[in-house]
């Protein structure tokens, strides 16, 4: 029987020697880095040096104030956009259809019959930017304004008609367009006309945003370069700097709100993804919306926020045990795709380790019992 007990003890010792969870040590150490605002919290062995793979920053009022982005509450004008709209002139392009009116000369005004729609009775601009007009022949109209075309056609027509009275309009706008994609009600092509088309107007023409849209991250791709506009700020606060006069070929993309979310894991009641309503969320809200800390197993003193810092990640550490630090959490603004981790207590880690070991130990006991009975 004693021999069997020794066999059990040796087997259990061998199992415990290799049962540590990958990447986890039970010894906890703290270290303080180069200044008072940086500190470290690692779970590592006694012979390990502090990790150099990330920056670990303790959240203090000074750090939160430094990270805070000033938010304007009032409207912001956009003088540059106002000037662009004031000076806007549409230029004719291929596939546009022009309609000329020559007073007292219906044969020039409606050469194809008065009951046909303007799109069919007008002059189609060719790929080379030209049209054919009776009496005067080919006219270059591409990339020119209506007033310039009117002046040239009148001057050339005066050789055949005395003092011609002429007007020109665009019957169909086909040459210039923008593309609206993503989370809008009716994605598709929006033509650019003689009325200036802005970003907000293009979204409105497309039926507006869907409930899943993230208006704070609307992208406009122009000449291969993407710019991001916070349309939510424009609608809520009248920030006109988030509007843009569109050009031919612009692509508008309204992203889905899943990107504007944070991930909460660890010792909270309901781990998962927390969406950033209207692009805003603070650390306290992220924890609250995840059900709060689990009283039996969480360690509020070790709340970590993992953030992509470019060259190396940044980990912000909050000791949420004290009330004033939780108030500080209401001022720490989250960024899209942040990861919040709430650590476990030492007792909880021990309980989980025991729960993993216990089934194997019980199996060893049962096996040893069976061997002892055979020996007896």
Protein backbone atom coordinates (compact mmCIF):
# COMPACT_ATOMS: atom_id res chain seq x y z
CA UNK A 1 0.00 0.00 0.00
CA UNK A 2 2.85 2.38 0.88
CA UNK A 3 4.50 1.56 -2.45
CA UNK A 4 1.25 2.50 -4.22
CA UNK A 5 1.05 5.78 -2.31
CA UNK A 6 4.61 6.64 -3.36
CA UNK A 7 3.71 5.98 -6.97
CA UNK A 8 0.75 8.35 -6.66
CA UNK A 9 2.88 11.07 -5.04
CA UNK A 10 5.55 10.82 -7.73
CA UNK A 11 2.95 10.95 -10.51
CA UNK A 12 1.20 13.95 -8.95
CA UNK A 13 4.49 15.82 -8.46
CA UNK A 14 5.45 15.21 -12.08
CA UNK A 15 2.06 16.46 -13.22
CA UNK A 16 2.21 19.62 -11.08
CA UNK A 17 5.67 20.43 -12.40
CA UNK A 18 4.28 20.84 -15.90
CA UNK A 19 0.78 22.15 -15.21
CA UNK A 20 1.46 25.87 -15.37
CA UNK A 21 -0.61 27.54 -18.02
CA UNK A 22 1.31 28.63 -21.15
CA UNK A 23 2.57 32.18 -20.81
CA UNK A 24 1.52 32.49 -17.16
CA UNK A 25 3.55 32.55 -13.95
CA UNK A 26 2.00 32.74 -10.53
CA UNK A 27 4.64 35.12 -9.20
CA UNK A 28 3.54 38.75 -9.63
CA UNK A 29 6.05 41.60 -9.79
CA UNK A 30 5.78 45.35 -10.26
CA UNK A 31 8.34 47.64 -11.76
CA UNK A 32 8.53 51.37 -12.39
CA UNK A 33 9.99 52.64 -15.65
CA UNK A 34 11.77 55.81 -16.68
CA UNK A 35 9.39 58.37 -15.14
CA UNK A 36 6.60 58.61 -12.62
CA UNK A 37 3.89 58.25 -15.26
CA UNK A 38 5.17 54.92 -16.54
CA UNK A 39 4.98 51.72 -14.59
CA UNK A 40 4.90 48.03 -15.27
CA UNK A 41 2.80 45.12 -14.15
CA UNK A 42 3.95 41.71 -15.31
CA UNK A 43 3.35 38.14 -14.34
CA UNK A 44 6.81 36.66 -14.70
CA UNK A 45 9.47 34.59 -13.05
CA UNK A 46 12.10 35.99 -10.71
CA UNK A 47 14.82 35.83 -13.35
CA UNK A 48 12.87 37.60 -16.12
CA UNK A 49 13.58 41.20 -17.12
CA UNK A 50 10.75 43.67 -17.81
CA UNK A 51 9.27 43.24 -21.28
CA UNK A 52 10.49 45.59 -24.02
CA UNK A 53 7.76 44.62 -26.47
CA UNK A 54 5.28 47.26 -25.30
CA UNK A 55 4.99 50.47 -23.32
CA UNK A 56 3.09 50.16 -20.05
CA UNK A 57 1.63 53.43 -18.80
CA UNK A 58 -0.16 53.97 -15.51
CA UNK A 59 -3.32 56.04 -15.89
CA UNK A 60 -3.06 59.19 -13.81
CA UNK A 61 -4.94 62.51 -14.10
CA UNK A 62 -1.93 63.95 -15.93
CA UNK A 63 -1.81 61.11 -18.45
CA UNK A 64 -5.57 61.25 -19.09
CA UNK A 65 -5.39 65.03 -19.56
CA UNK A 66 -2.54 64.59 -22.04
CA UNK A 67 -4.47 61.99 -24.04
CA UNK A 68 -7.74 63.94 -24.05
CA UNK A 69 -8.77 65.32 -27.43
CA UNK A 70 -10.40 68.77 -27.20
CA UNK A 71 -14.00 68.63 -28.37
CA UNK A 72 -15.68 71.67 -29.80
CA UNK A 73 -19.31 72.07 -28.83
CA UNK A 74 -20.26 74.87 -31.21
CA UNK A 75 -20.43 75.09 -35.01
CA UNK A 76 -17.27 75.60 -37.07
CA UNK A 77 -17.36 77.46 -40.38
CA UNK A 78 -15.53 76.34 -43.52
CA UNK A 79 -14.58 79.46 -45.50
CA UNK A 80 -12.67 77.45 -48.09
CA UNK A 81 -15.73 75.33 -48.89
CA UNK A 82 -17.95 78.42 -49.08
CA UNK A 83 -15.55 80.02 -51.56
CA UNK A 84 -15.40 76.85 -53.68
CA UNK A 85 -19.20 76.70 -53.86
CA UNK A 86 -19.43 80.38 -54.76
CA UNK A 87 -16.93 80.02 -57.60
CA UNK A 88 -18.24 76.68 -58.86
CA UNK A 89 -18.82 76.38 -62.60
CA UNK A 90 -19.81 73.15 -64.29
CA UNK A 91 -17.70 72.19 -67.30
CA UNK A 92 -19.15 70.07 -70.11
CA UNK A 93 -17.83 66.56 -70.63
CA UNK A 94 -18.29 63.53 -72.93
CA UNK A 95 -21.76 61.93 -72.91
CA UNK A 96 -23.43 65.11 -71.68
CA UNK A 97 -26.41 66.19 -73.79
CA UNK A 98 -26.77 69.87 -74.71
CA UNK A 99 -29.95 71.59 -75.82
CA UNK A 100 -29.78 74.84 -77.83
CA UNK A 101 -32.56 77.36 -78.22
CA UNK A 102 -32.30 79.79 -81.15
CA UNK A 103 -35.13 82.32 -81.04
CA UNK A 104 -37.22 82.62 -84.21
CA UNK A 105 -35.45 79.59 -85.68
CA UNK A 106 -37.31 76.46 -84.61
CA UNK A 107 -35.46 74.35 -87.17
CA UNK A 108 -32.29 74.90 -85.13
CA UNK A 109 -33.99 74.61 -81.77
CA UNK A 110 -35.93 71.35 -82.31
CA UNK A 111 -34.43 69.71 -85.37
CA UNK A 112 -35.76 66.26 -84.44
CA UNK A 113 -39.35 67.18 -83.64
CA UNK A 114 -40.98 69.06 -80.77
CA UNK A 115 -42.56 66.00 -79.10
CA UNK A 116 -39.30 64.21 -78.33
CA UNK A 117 -37.71 64.46 -74.86
CA UNK A 118 -34.72 66.73 -74.37
CA UNK A 119 -32.35 63.79 -73.90
CA UNK A 120 -33.21 62.59 -77.43
CA UNK A 121 -33.50 65.87 -79.26
CA UNK A 122 -30.32 67.39 -77.80
CA UNK A 123 -26.73 67.30 -78.95
CA UNK A 124 -24.66 64.42 -77.55
CA UNK A 125 -21.10 65.37 -76.63
CA UNK A 126 -18.72 62.90 -78.22
CA UNK A 127 -15.72 61.19 -76.61
CA UNK A 128 -13.47 63.90 -78.06
CA UNK A 129 -15.60 66.62 -76.46
CA UNK A 130 -17.21 67.88 -79.68
CA UNK A 131 -20.75 68.31 -81.05
CA UNK A 132 -22.11 69.02 -84.50
CA UNK A 133 -24.29 72.11 -84.92
CA UNK A 134 -26.18 73.02 -88.11
CA UNK A 135 -24.51 75.59 -90.39
CA UNK A 136 -21.34 75.93 -88.33
CA UNK A 137 -20.26 72.27 -88.12
CA UNK A 138 -18.08 70.85 -85.32
CA UNK A 139 -17.83 72.76 -82.06
CA UNK A 140 -15.37 71.92 -79.27
CA UNK A 141 -17.37 72.02 -76.03
CA UNK A 142 -15.45 69.61 -73.76
CA UNK A 143 -14.21 71.08 -70.45
CA UNK A 144 -15.82 74.41 -71.27
CA UNK A 145 -18.56 76.30 -69.46
CA UNK A 146 -22.00 76.96 -70.93
CA UNK A 147 -21.32 80.66 -71.26
CA UNK A 148 -18.15 80.01 -73.29
CA UNK A 149 -20.01 77.62 -75.63
CA UNK A 150 -22.89 80.07 -76.03
CA UNK A 151 -20.51 82.86 -76.97
CA UNK A 152 -18.66 80.80 -79.60
CA UNK A 153 -21.80 79.31 -81.23
CA UNK A 154 -23.46 82.75 -81.39
CA UNK A 155 -20.38 84.28 -82.97
CA UNK A 156 -20.06 81.56 -85.61
CA UNK A 157 -23.81 81.42 -86.27
CA UNK A 158 -23.87 85.19 -86.93
CA UNK A 159 -22.32 84.48 -90.34
CA UNK A 160 -25.56 82.80 -91.40
CA UNK A 161 -28.24 84.38 -89.17
CA UNK A 162 -28.52 88.06 -88.43
CA UNK A 163 -28.09 88.84 -84.73
CA UNK A 164 -28.83 85.31 -83.45
CA UNK A 165 -30.42 85.06 -80.01
CA UNK A 166 -29.18 81.79 -78.54
CA UNK A 167 -29.33 79.94 -75.25
CA UNK A 168 -27.78 76.61 -74.26
CA UNK A 169 -28.61 74.24 -71.43
CA UNK A 170 -27.49 70.77 -70.33
CA UNK A 171 -30.40 68.38 -70.87
CA UNK A 172 -28.66 65.38 -69.25
CA UNK A 173 -25.62 65.24 -66.98
CA UNK A 174 -23.70 62.09 -67.82
CA UNK A 175 -20.00 62.88 -67.85
CA UNK A 176 -19.21 63.47 -64.17
CA UNK A 177 -20.25 61.31 -61.23
CA UNK A 178 -19.34 60.14 -57.75
CA UNK A 179 -19.79 56.69 -56.25
CA UNK A 180 -21.46 56.16 -52.86
CA UNK A 181 -20.85 52.79 -51.21
CA UNK A 182 -21.16 51.18 -47.80
CA UNK A 183 -23.86 51.72 -45.21
CA UNK A 184 -26.30 53.97 -47.09
CA UNK A 185 -29.88 53.20 -48.04
CA UNK A 186 -29.34 53.25 -51.81
CA UNK A 187 -25.66 52.82 -52.77
CA UNK A 188 -24.84 53.74 -56.33
CA UNK A 189 -23.82 56.50 -58.69
CA UNK A 190 -24.68 60.15 -58.03
CA UNK A 191 -24.24 62.52 -61.02
CA UNK A 192 -22.48 65.85 -60.64
CA UNK A 193 -24.58 68.63 -62.12
CA UNK A 194 -24.40 72.40 -62.46
CA UNK A 195 -25.40 72.56 -58.78
CA UNK A 196 -22.39 72.05 -56.46
CA UNK A 197 -22.44 68.61 -54.85
CA UNK A 198 -21.01 68.24 -51.34
CA UNK A 199 -20.34 65.15 -49.24
CA UNK A 200 -23.42 65.61 -47.07
CA UNK A 201 -25.65 66.19 -50.10
CA UNK A 202 -24.35 63.03 -51.80
CA UNK A 203 -25.20 61.00 -48.69
CA UNK A 204 -28.66 62.56 -48.60
CA UNK A 205 -29.29 61.77 -52.28
CA UNK A 206 -28.32 58.17 -51.51
CA UNK A 207 -31.14 57.90 -48.97
CA UNK A 208 -29.09 58.67 -45.89
CA UNK A 209 -27.15 56.33 -43.64
CA UNK A 210 -28.38 52.96 -42.40
CA UNK A 211 -28.74 52.28 -38.64
CA UNK A 212 -25.45 50.34 -38.74
CA UNK A 213 -23.47 53.20 -40.29
CA UNK A 214 -20.50 54.82 -38.57
CA UNK A 215 -20.81 58.42 -39.75
CA UNK A 216 -17.79 59.45 -37.71
CA UNK A 217 -15.51 57.57 -40.11
CA UNK A 218 -16.80 58.36 -43.62
CA UNK A 219 -14.03 58.05 -46.18
CA UNK A 220 -13.63 59.91 -49.47
CA UNK A 221 -11.12 58.40 -51.90
CA UNK A 222 -9.77 60.89 -54.43
CA UNK A 223 -6.89 60.16 -56.81
CA UNK A 224 -6.03 57.08 -54.79
CA UNK A 225 -5.81 58.96 -51.48
CA UNK A 226 -8.39 58.36 -48.74
CA UNK A 227 -9.51 61.11 -46.36
CA UNK A 228 -11.71 60.54 -43.32
CA UNK A 229 -14.55 62.90 -42.38
CA UNK A 230 -16.55 62.98 -39.15
CA UNK A 231 -19.99 63.55 -40.62
CA UNK A 232 -21.50 62.85 -37.19
CA UNK A 233 -19.79 65.99 -35.87
CA UNK A 234 -21.16 67.97 -38.80
CA UNK A 235 -24.72 66.84 -38.15
CA UNK A 236 -24.55 67.19 -34.36
CA UNK A 237 -22.46 70.32 -33.92
CA UNK A 238 -22.43 71.99 -37.31
CA UNK A 239 -18.73 71.35 -37.90
CA UNK A 240 -18.56 72.41 -41.54
CA UNK A 241 -14.87 71.51 -41.75
CA UNK A 242 -16.11 67.91 -42.07
CA UNK A 243 -17.79 68.66 -45.41
CA UNK A 244 -16.24 68.57 -48.87
CA UNK A 245 -17.02 69.73 -52.41
CA UNK A 246 -16.99 66.57 -54.50
CA UNK A 247 -15.25 66.05 -57.84
CA UNK A 248 -15.67 63.64 -60.70
CA UNK A 249 -14.53 60.13 -59.75
CA UNK A 250 -14.68 60.56 -55.97
CA UNK A 251 -15.61 57.40 -54.08
CA UNK A 252 -17.50 57.77 -50.80
CA UNK A 253 -17.44 54.88 -48.35
CA UNK A 254 -19.61 54.80 -45.23
CA UNK A 255 -18.18 52.12 -42.91
CA UNK A 256 -20.14 49.73 -40.74
CA UNK A 257 -20.09 50.48 -37.03
CA UNK A 258 -18.42 47.19 -36.04
CA UNK A 259 -15.00 48.77 -36.54
CA UNK A 260 -15.88 51.49 -34.03
CA UNK A 261 -15.99 49.16 -31.08
CA UNK A 262 -13.79 47.92 -28.25
CA UNK A 263 -13.24 44.38 -26.99
CA UNK A 264 -13.70 43.66 -23.29
CA UNK A 265 -12.29 40.38 -21.99
CA UNK A 266 -11.32 38.88 -18.68
CA UNK A 267 -13.21 39.00 -15.41
CA UNK A 268 -16.38 40.86 -16.43
CA UNK A 269 -19.91 39.48 -16.40
CA UNK A 270 -20.44 39.56 -20.17
CA UNK A 271 -17.16 39.69 -22.12
CA UNK A 272 -17.50 40.71 -25.74
CA UNK A 273 -17.62 43.61 -28.16
CA UNK A 274 -18.92 46.99 -26.99
CA UNK A 275 -19.90 49.41 -29.76
CA UNK A 276 -18.89 53.05 -29.59
CA UNK A 277 -22.21 54.86 -29.86
CA UNK A 278 -21.68 57.84 -32.15
CA UNK A 279 -17.97 57.15 -31.98
CA UNK A 280 -17.61 57.87 -28.27
CA UNK A 281 -16.97 55.54 -25.32
CA UNK A 282 -14.98 55.87 -22.12
CA UNK A 283 -13.34 53.12 -20.09
CA UNK A 284 -15.95 53.18 -17.33
CA UNK A 285 -18.75 52.80 -19.89
CA UNK A 286 -16.96 49.88 -21.56
CA UNK A 287 -16.74 48.03 -18.23
CA UNK A 288 -20.32 48.90 -17.25
CA UNK A 289 -21.77 47.79 -20.59
CA UNK A 290 -19.94 44.48 -20.13
CA UNK A 291 -21.80 43.85 -16.89
CA UNK A 292 -19.13 45.15 -14.52
CA UNK A 293 -16.47 43.27 -12.58
CA UNK A 294 -17.11 39.71 -11.37
CA UNK A 295 -16.93 40.13 -7.55
CA UNK A 296 -15.56 36.65 -6.82
CA UNK A 297 -12.71 36.51 -9.31
CA UNK A 298 -11.84 39.94 -10.72
CA UNK A 299 -8.93 42.10 -9.64
CA UNK A 300 -9.99 45.73 -10.23
CA UNK A 301 -6.48 46.84 -9.37
CA UNK A 302 -5.33 45.46 -12.72
CA UNK A 303 -7.47 46.80 -15.54
CA UNK A 304 -5.40 46.93 -18.72
CA UNK A 305 -6.20 48.68 -22.02
CA UNK A 306 -4.24 47.42 -25.03
CA UNK A 307 -3.92 49.97 -27.82
CA UNK A 308 -2.12 49.95 -31.16
CA UNK A 309 0.62 52.53 -30.77
CA UNK A 310 2.11 52.21 -34.25
CA UNK A 311 5.65 50.83 -33.92
CA UNK A 312 4.85 49.12 -30.62
CA UNK A 313 1.64 48.60 -28.67
CA UNK A 314 0.80 50.68 -25.62
CA UNK A 315 -0.80 49.16 -22.53
CA UNK A 316 -2.58 51.52 -20.15
CA UNK A 317 -3.01 50.27 -16.59
CA UNK A 318 -5.77 51.45 -14.25
CA UNK A 319 -6.02 50.60 -10.56
CA UNK A 320 -9.81 50.72 -10.28
CA UNK A 321 -10.04 49.71 -6.63
CA UNK A 322 -10.41 53.28 -5.41
CA UNK A 323 -13.49 55.42 -6.30
CA UNK A 324 -11.47 58.38 -7.56
CA UNK A 325 -9.68 56.11 -10.06
CA UNK A 326 -13.02 54.87 -11.38
CA UNK A 327 -13.99 58.52 -11.85
CA UNK A 328 -10.76 58.88 -13.82
CA UNK A 329 -11.93 55.99 -16.01
CA UNK A 330 -14.92 58.12 -17.09
CA UNK A 331 -12.45 60.60 -18.59
CA UNK A 332 -10.30 58.05 -20.43
CA UNK A 333 -11.66 57.92 -23.96
CA UNK A 334 -11.46 54.64 -25.84
CA UNK A 335 -10.28 54.30 -29.42
CA UNK A 336 -11.65 51.87 -32.03
CA UNK A 337 -10.38 48.31 -31.59
CA UNK A 338 -8.97 48.89 -28.09
CA UNK A 339 -8.85 45.74 -25.96
CA UNK A 340 -9.81 46.00 -22.27
CA UNK A 341 -8.60 43.19 -20.04
CA UNK A 342 -9.68 42.73 -16.40
CA UNK A 343 -7.25 40.45 -14.58
CA UNK A 344 -8.15 37.72 -12.12
CA UNK A 345 -7.28 37.58 -8.45
CA UNK A 346 -4.55 35.27 -7.20
CA UNK A 347 -7.18 33.09 -5.49
CA UNK A 348 -9.19 32.83 -8.70
CA UNK A 349 -6.10 31.72 -10.64
CA UNK A 350 -5.40 29.10 -7.96
CA UNK A 351 -9.01 27.87 -8.07
CA UNK A 352 -8.85 27.52 -11.83
CA UNK A 353 -5.55 25.69 -11.62
CA UNK A 354 -6.99 23.29 -9.04
CA UNK A 355 -10.10 22.74 -11.18
CA UNK A 356 -7.83 21.68 -14.06
CA UNK A 357 -5.68 19.44 -11.88
CA UNK A 358 -8.45 17.78 -9.84
CA UNK A 359 -9.89 15.50 -12.57
CA UNK A 360 -6.42 14.09 -13.31
CA UNK A 361 -5.70 13.63 -9.59
CA UNK A 362 -8.98 11.82 -9.14
CA UNK A 363 -8.11 9.52 -12.03
CA UNK A 364 -4.73 8.78 -10.45
CA UNK A 365 -6.43 8.01 -7.12
CA UNK A 366 -8.91 5.67 -8.74
CA UNK A 367 -6.14 3.90 -10.66
CA UNK A 368 -4.05 3.50 -7.51
CA UNK A 369 -7.08 2.16 -5.59
CA UNK A 370 -7.59 -0.45 -8.29
CA UNK A 371 -3.90 -1.48 -8.16
CA UNK A 372 -4.00 -1.73 -4.35
CA UNK A 373 -7.07 -3.98 -4.47
CA UNK A 374 -5.32 -6.27 -6.95
CA UNK A 375 -2.25 -6.46 -4.72
CA UNK A 376 -4.40 -7.31 -1.72
